[in-house]
């Protein structure tokens, strides 16, 4: 059985997201760069070769579905967390 090593990082180009993306790559995972701004995602992808770019917005369910498709996990680094985290 092969392990899916793709992880979506939502908010990848932010302060915390950049650290998470770097750490994932160091540990052999393939980050999927996600967030609202395609230009910022593409700029980050230039620094992290092999990373896939999938723009998405919290209020756009279809874009989120595309961003998470075929990945094993999502790490939310987008803030403010009050707006992007699940509310219970």
Protein backbone atom coordinates (compact mmCIF):
# COMPACT_ATOMS: atom_id res chain seq x y z
CA UNK A 1 0.00 0.00 0.00
CA UNK A 2 1.39 3.41 -0.91
CA UNK A 3 0.90 6.43 1.31
CA UNK A 4 -0.56 9.57 -0.25
CA UNK A 5 2.02 12.19 0.70
CA UNK A 6 0.12 15.21 -0.69
CA UNK A 7 -1.07 17.76 1.87
CA UNK A 8 -3.05 20.92 1.10
CA UNK A 9 -1.71 23.99 2.91
CA UNK A 10 -4.47 26.59 2.94
CA UNK A 11 -2.95 30.03 3.44
CA UNK A 12 0.36 28.72 2.12
CA UNK A 13 1.84 32.14 1.29
CA UNK A 14 1.26 33.66 4.73
CA UNK A 15 3.79 33.86 7.55
CA UNK A 16 2.92 30.49 9.12
CA UNK A 17 2.05 28.83 5.81
CA UNK A 18 5.54 29.38 4.42
CA UNK A 19 7.08 27.62 7.42
CA UNK A 20 4.64 24.72 7.09
CA UNK A 21 5.32 24.31 3.36
CA UNK A 22 9.09 24.25 3.95
CA UNK A 23 8.80 21.73 6.76
CA UNK A 24 6.53 19.43 4.76
CA UNK A 25 9.04 19.37 1.90
CA UNK A 26 11.93 18.66 4.28
CA UNK A 27 9.99 15.66 5.60
CA UNK A 28 9.24 14.25 2.14
CA UNK A 29 5.65 15.44 1.76
CA UNK A 30 4.31 17.19 -1.35
CA UNK A 31 2.57 20.44 -0.38
CA UNK A 32 -0.43 21.60 -2.40
CA UNK A 33 -0.33 25.39 -2.16
CA UNK A 34 -3.75 26.91 -1.61
CA UNK A 35 -5.21 30.29 -0.75
CA UNK A 36 -7.12 33.17 -2.30
CA UNK A 37 -4.39 34.92 -4.30
CA UNK A 38 -3.16 32.96 -7.36
CA UNK A 39 -0.26 35.39 -7.96
CA UNK A 40 1.10 34.87 -4.43
CA UNK A 41 0.64 31.10 -4.75
CA UNK A 42 2.55 31.03 -8.04
CA UNK A 43 5.38 33.12 -6.56
CA UNK A 44 5.64 30.67 -3.67
CA UNK A 45 5.61 27.73 -6.08
CA UNK A 46 8.70 29.21 -7.76
CA UNK A 47 10.51 28.79 -4.43
CA UNK A 48 9.11 25.32 -3.77
CA UNK A 49 9.53 23.40 -7.02
CA UNK A 50 7.21 20.44 -7.40
CA UNK A 51 4.42 22.01 -5.38
CA UNK A 52 1.02 22.18 -7.00
CA UNK A 53 -0.99 25.43 -6.92
CA UNK A 54 -4.74 25.26 -6.25
CA UNK A 55 -6.38 28.63 -5.53
CA UNK A 56 -9.39 28.50 -3.20
CA UNK A 57 -11.57 30.73 -1.04
CA UNK A 58 -13.40 29.81 2.15
CA UNK A 59 -16.71 31.08 0.77
CA UNK A 60 -16.35 29.05 -2.47
CA UNK A 61 -17.12 25.40 -1.70
CA UNK A 62 -16.21 24.18 -5.21
CA UNK A 63 -12.77 25.78 -5.07
CA UNK A 64 -12.18 24.17 -1.68
CA UNK A 65 -13.23 20.79 -3.05
CA UNK A 66 -10.67 21.18 -5.87
CA UNK A 67 -7.97 22.28 -3.42
CA UNK A 68 -8.50 19.23 -1.23
CA UNK A 69 -9.04 16.63 -3.96
CA UNK A 70 -6.71 13.63 -3.74
CA UNK A 71 -4.78 14.95 -0.73
CA UNK A 72 -4.39 13.09 2.54
CA UNK A 73 -4.82 16.13 4.80
CA UNK A 74 -5.29 19.88 4.97
CA UNK A 75 -3.40 22.29 7.21
CA UNK A 76 -5.19 25.61 7.72
CA UNK A 77 -2.69 28.45 8.00
CA UNK A 78 -5.06 31.18 6.79
CA UNK A 79 -6.18 33.82 9.18
CA UNK A 80 -7.91 35.32 10.81
CA UNK A 81 -8.68 31.89 12.25
CA UNK A 82 -12.04 33.09 13.54
CA UNK A 83 -13.15 33.31 9.90
CA UNK A 84 -11.44 30.20 8.48
CA UNK A 85 -11.77 27.61 11.25
CA UNK A 86 -14.70 25.27 11.76
CA UNK A 87 -17.20 26.58 14.27
CA UNK A 88 -18.97 24.16 16.59
